[in-house]
Protein backbone atom coordinates (compact mmCIF):
# COMPACT_ATOMS: atom_id res chain seq x y z
CA MET A 1 79.82 -63.96 57.52
CA PHE A 2 79.87 -63.96 53.50
CA LEU A 3 76.62 -62.09 53.47
CA GLN A 4 77.84 -59.19 56.22
CA LEU A 5 81.28 -58.76 54.18
CA HIS A 6 78.99 -58.40 50.71
CA VAL A 7 76.80 -55.95 52.58
CA PHE A 8 79.81 -53.88 54.30
CA SER A 9 81.22 -53.37 50.74
CA LEU A 10 78.53 -52.32 48.99
CA MET A 11 77.95 -49.62 51.71
CA LEU A 12 81.62 -49.02 51.81
CA LEU A 13 80.93 -48.53 47.71
CA GLN A 14 77.72 -45.97 48.07
CA GLU A 15 79.69 -43.86 50.49
CA THR A 16 83.00 -43.55 48.39
CA VAL A 17 80.80 -42.88 45.05
CA ASN A 18 77.44 -40.81 44.39
CA PHE A 19 76.04 -42.13 41.06
CA ASP A 20 73.97 -39.51 40.06
CA VAL A 21 74.63 -36.65 37.57
CA VAL A 22 76.01 -34.66 39.72
CA GLY A 23 77.96 -37.26 41.65
CA MET A 24 79.09 -38.46 38.82
CA TRP A 25 80.56 -34.96 37.11
CA GLU A 26 82.62 -34.33 41.00
CA ASN A 27 83.88 -37.33 40.54
CA MET A 28 85.21 -36.60 37.44
CA GLY A 29 88.78 -35.65 36.18
CA TRP A 30 89.16 -32.49 34.46
CA ALA A 31 90.25 -34.21 31.17
CA ALA A 32 87.22 -36.18 30.51
CA LYS A 33 85.20 -33.15 32.28
CA LEU A 34 87.15 -31.72 28.71
CA VAL A 35 85.88 -34.57 27.19
CA VAL A 36 81.67 -33.95 27.75
CA ILE A 37 81.56 -29.98 27.46
CA LEU A 38 83.20 -31.10 24.07
CA LEU A 39 80.75 -33.60 23.38
CA PHE A 40 78.06 -31.09 24.76
CA PHE A 41 79.45 -28.61 22.25
CA MET A 42 79.12 -31.11 19.57
CA SER A 43 75.53 -32.44 19.83
CA ALA A 44 74.24 -28.13 20.28
CA TRP A 45 75.75 -27.63 17.09
CA SER A 46 74.59 -30.46 15.19
CA ILE A 47 70.72 -30.19 17.25
CA GLY A 48 71.12 -26.89 15.50
CA VAL A 49 71.58 -28.04 11.75
CA MET A 50 68.97 -30.47 12.10
CA ILE A 51 66.44 -27.72 12.54
CA ASP A 52 67.87 -25.36 10.64
CA ARG A 53 68.43 -28.30 7.42
CA ALA A 54 64.45 -29.62 8.54
CA ILE A 55 63.03 -25.94 7.83
CA ALA A 56 64.52 -24.84 4.86
CA TYR A 57 64.12 -28.26 3.89
CA ASN A 58 60.69 -28.22 4.05
CA GLY A 59 60.28 -24.45 3.20
CA ALA A 60 61.87 -25.39 -0.05
CA ARG A 61 59.36 -28.28 -0.56
CA LYS A 62 56.33 -26.43 -0.07
CA GLN A 63 56.86 -23.42 -2.39
CA SER A 64 58.23 -25.45 -5.06
CA ARG A 65 54.89 -27.32 -5.25
CA GLN A 66 53.22 -24.10 -5.45
CA PHE A 67 55.98 -22.61 -7.92
CA ALA A 68 55.84 -25.44 -10.66
CA PRO A 69 51.77 -24.75 -11.83
CA ALA A 70 52.24 -21.17 -11.44
CA VAL A 71 55.08 -20.86 -13.73
CA ALA A 72 54.18 -23.62 -16.00
CA GLY A 73 51.25 -21.29 -16.77
CA ALA A 74 52.91 -18.67 -17.46
CA LEU A 75 55.19 -20.32 -19.81
CA ARG A 76 52.63 -21.87 -21.36
CA GLU A 77 50.85 -18.42 -22.47
CA GLY A 78 54.76 -17.19 -23.69
CA LYS A 79 55.17 -14.66 -20.46
CA LEU A 80 58.65 -14.78 -19.56
CA ASP A 81 58.59 -11.33 -17.52
CA GLU A 82 55.40 -12.71 -15.45
CA ALA A 83 57.29 -16.18 -15.54
CA ILE A 84 60.15 -14.56 -13.63
CA LYS A 85 58.47 -12.57 -11.50
CA ILE A 86 56.74 -15.25 -10.46
CA ALA A 87 60.27 -17.04 -9.07
CA ASP A 88 60.91 -14.11 -7.75
CA ARG A 89 58.12 -14.76 -5.37
CA TYR A 90 59.46 -18.19 -4.03
CA SER A 91 62.98 -17.27 -2.72
CA LYS A 92 62.75 -20.21 -1.07
CA SER A 93 62.26 -22.80 -3.80
CA HIS A 94 65.18 -24.21 -4.87
CA LEU A 95 63.52 -25.32 -8.23
CA ALA A 96 62.43 -21.73 -8.43
CA LYS A 97 65.91 -20.37 -8.05
CA VAL A 98 67.22 -22.60 -10.71
CA VAL A 99 63.84 -21.77 -13.09
CA VAL A 100 64.96 -18.07 -12.64
CA ALA A 101 68.49 -17.83 -13.59
CA GLY A 102 67.82 -19.50 -16.73
CA LEU A 103 64.63 -16.96 -17.32
CA GLN A 104 67.09 -14.26 -17.01
CA GLU A 105 69.69 -15.45 -19.14
CA PHE A 106 67.57 -16.72 -22.27
CA ARG A 107 65.36 -12.60 -21.63
CA ALA A 108 68.97 -11.28 -21.96
CA HIS A 109 70.14 -13.28 -25.61
CA GLN A 110 66.90 -11.94 -26.57
CA LEU A 111 66.65 -8.29 -25.92
CA SER A 112 71.09 -8.19 -26.91
CA SER A 113 71.00 -8.11 -31.07
CA GLU A 114 75.34 -8.91 -30.77
CA ILE A 115 74.50 -12.21 -29.03
CA SER A 116 71.67 -13.60 -31.26
CA GLY A 117 71.60 -17.39 -31.72
CA GLU A 118 73.82 -18.23 -27.94
CA GLU A 119 70.21 -18.62 -26.25
CA ILE A 120 69.79 -21.95 -25.16
CA GLU A 121 73.42 -22.68 -24.39
CA ALA A 122 73.69 -19.51 -22.67
CA SER A 123 70.98 -20.50 -20.90
CA LYS A 124 72.07 -24.16 -20.71
CA ARG A 125 74.82 -22.32 -18.55
CA ALA A 126 73.19 -20.14 -16.09
CA LEU A 127 71.09 -23.26 -15.40
CA GLU A 128 74.33 -25.54 -14.70
CA ARG A 129 75.62 -22.33 -12.22
CA ALA A 130 72.38 -22.16 -10.59
CA GLU A 131 72.15 -25.59 -9.50
CA ALA A 132 75.70 -25.28 -8.73
CA ILE A 133 74.79 -22.76 -6.15
CA VAL A 134 71.92 -24.47 -4.60
CA HIS A 135 73.58 -27.49 -4.44
CA ALA A 136 75.76 -25.68 -1.37
CA GLU A 137 73.41 -24.53 -0.40
CA LEU A 138 71.06 -26.98 0.77
CA LYS A 139 74.30 -28.81 1.75
CA ARG A 140 75.52 -26.02 4.12
CA GLY A 141 76.47 -27.95 7.39
CA VAL A 142 74.93 -31.64 6.48
CA SER A 143 79.13 -31.91 6.10
CA GLY A 144 79.65 -31.09 9.57
CA LEU A 145 76.87 -33.97 10.38
CA ALA A 146 78.78 -36.60 9.24
CA THR A 147 82.66 -35.48 11.20
CA ILE A 148 80.04 -35.62 14.38
CA GLY A 149 78.57 -39.55 13.60
CA SER A 150 82.77 -40.18 12.62
CA THR A 151 84.20 -38.67 15.70
CA ALA A 152 82.47 -38.30 18.78
CA PRO A 153 82.05 -42.20 19.09
CA PHE A 154 86.26 -41.82 19.71
CA VAL A 155 86.00 -38.48 21.22
CA GLY A 156 83.73 -40.79 24.35
CA LEU A 157 86.20 -43.20 22.97
CA PHE A 158 89.77 -40.92 24.95
CA GLY A 159 87.19 -40.26 27.60
CA THR A 160 86.76 -43.91 28.75
CA VAL A 161 91.61 -44.02 28.32
CA VAL A 162 90.88 -41.32 30.99
CA GLY A 163 88.19 -43.25 32.98
CA ILE A 164 90.30 -45.82 33.35
CA ILE A 165 93.56 -44.44 34.33
CA HIS A 166 91.77 -42.40 36.74
CA ALA A 167 90.38 -45.74 38.65
CA PHE A 168 94.25 -47.12 38.79
CA GLN A 169 94.73 -43.93 39.97
CA GLY A 170 92.17 -44.38 42.60
CA ILE A 171 93.26 -47.90 43.12
CA SER A 172 97.33 -46.70 43.53
CA THR A 173 96.57 -43.78 45.72
CA GLN A 174 94.07 -45.66 48.15
CA LYS A 175 96.43 -49.09 47.88
CA SER A 176 93.68 -50.84 47.67
CA THR A 177 92.31 -53.02 44.40
CA GLY A 178 88.37 -53.47 45.79
CA LEU A 179 85.32 -52.72 43.58
CA GLY A 180 84.94 -48.64 45.40
CA ALA A 181 89.01 -47.96 44.54
CA VAL A 182 87.74 -48.46 40.45
CA ALA A 183 84.00 -47.72 40.61
CA GLY A 184 84.60 -43.77 39.99
CA GLY A 185 86.58 -44.17 37.46
CA ILE A 186 84.34 -46.62 35.83
CA SER A 187 81.70 -44.93 36.31
CA GLU A 188 83.45 -41.84 34.03
CA ALA A 189 85.04 -43.96 31.25
CA LEU A 190 81.25 -45.80 30.81
CA VAL A 191 79.41 -42.02 31.08
CA THR A 192 82.28 -40.37 28.16
CA THR A 193 81.35 -43.26 26.06
CA ALA A 194 77.51 -43.73 26.53
CA ILE A 195 77.37 -39.63 25.75
CA GLY A 196 79.92 -39.80 22.30
CA LEU A 197 77.42 -43.01 20.95
CA PHE A 198 74.48 -40.81 22.02
CA VAL A 199 75.89 -37.52 19.85
CA ALA A 200 76.55 -39.92 17.70
CA VAL A 201 73.86 -42.30 16.43
CA PRO A 202 72.12 -39.17 15.78
CA ALA A 203 74.29 -37.37 13.86
CA VAL A 204 74.63 -40.36 11.59
CA TRP A 205 70.70 -40.81 10.89
CA ALA A 206 70.29 -37.10 10.33
CA PHE A 207 72.72 -36.21 7.95
CA ASN A 208 72.29 -39.54 5.62
CA TYR A 209 68.34 -38.66 6.10
CA PHE A 210 69.14 -35.41 4.82
CA THR A 211 71.62 -36.62 2.13
CA ASN A 212 68.74 -38.19 0.76
CA ARG A 213 67.06 -35.21 0.52
CA ILE A 214 69.41 -33.78 -1.17
CA ASP A 215 69.85 -36.00 -3.48
CA ALA A 216 66.34 -35.66 -4.13
CA PHE A 217 66.15 -32.03 -4.97
CA ASP A 218 69.17 -32.63 -7.58
CA VAL A 219 66.80 -35.02 -9.69
CA GLU A 220 64.48 -32.14 -9.04
CA MET A 221 66.56 -28.99 -10.21
CA GLY A 222 67.76 -31.76 -13.08
CA ASN A 223 64.53 -32.28 -14.37
CA SER A 224 63.01 -28.55 -14.32
CA SER A 225 66.25 -26.92 -16.29
CA SER A 226 65.58 -30.17 -18.66
CA GLU A 227 62.31 -29.10 -19.50
CA LEU A 228 62.82 -25.43 -19.40
CA LEU A 229 65.62 -26.24 -22.50
CA ASP A 230 63.37 -28.16 -24.02
CA TYR A 231 60.33 -25.07 -23.57
CA PHE A 232 63.72 -22.27 -25.06
CA LEU A 233 64.76 -24.79 -27.95
CA LYS A 234 60.71 -24.50 -29.37
CA ARG A 235 60.30 -21.34 -28.63
CA VAL A 236 63.49 -20.56 -30.81
CA GLN A 237 62.13 -22.61 -33.60
CA ARG A 238 58.74 -20.83 -33.84
CA VAL A 239 60.43 -17.98 -33.42
CA GLY A 240 62.88 -18.96 -36.98
CA ALA A 241 59.54 -20.48 -38.42
CA THR A 242 57.99 -17.06 -38.58
CA LYS A 243 60.90 -14.84 -40.06
């Protein structure tokens, strides 16, 4: 007798709630549907940022590897104009953007007799400005991944609360405390929680990964700026010694 009642309750539950995607969507309330839609847009935005940053960072890394030996050869020969032209050809390289700013400032001060002697300091300021600008470009959109990673679980939790409320409303409406009365609300709650975690976890992983890459780019730009300033100092000293 107990087995028959158990089978009957399972059949009743199956008829009451459909646990496929369409069925769960139809059983959701409007508030839970809004939560799912919001999480969908958050996921789409984070995926777009991931793809955009991955392409930008890979392009910067590839072009910088080609740019570094080319510009080093031009500087060894003392050809500042040629070095600037080389930097302009590698527009995606983070190193090229910084180096060309320092080269242009140094050349401008060398050509101007009114501000002679300030080449090194002016070039240092130009390099610092360029590093700050490139850092901001590299970081674009990455902070949004941290925001999504930290807020998506709470958005999903809000959907969970709404689902539980929906479940108790089902109990009140059906005047029953059986599993069939609460299954729809419970499944709704679990779905929104799962989607929130699904959105948050990749966003956090991507944020940490991209942050590490930005730190590596900052170190490379700092080293290039330091080496370029050393080159400018030696060049000024050589010019002063020949006078």
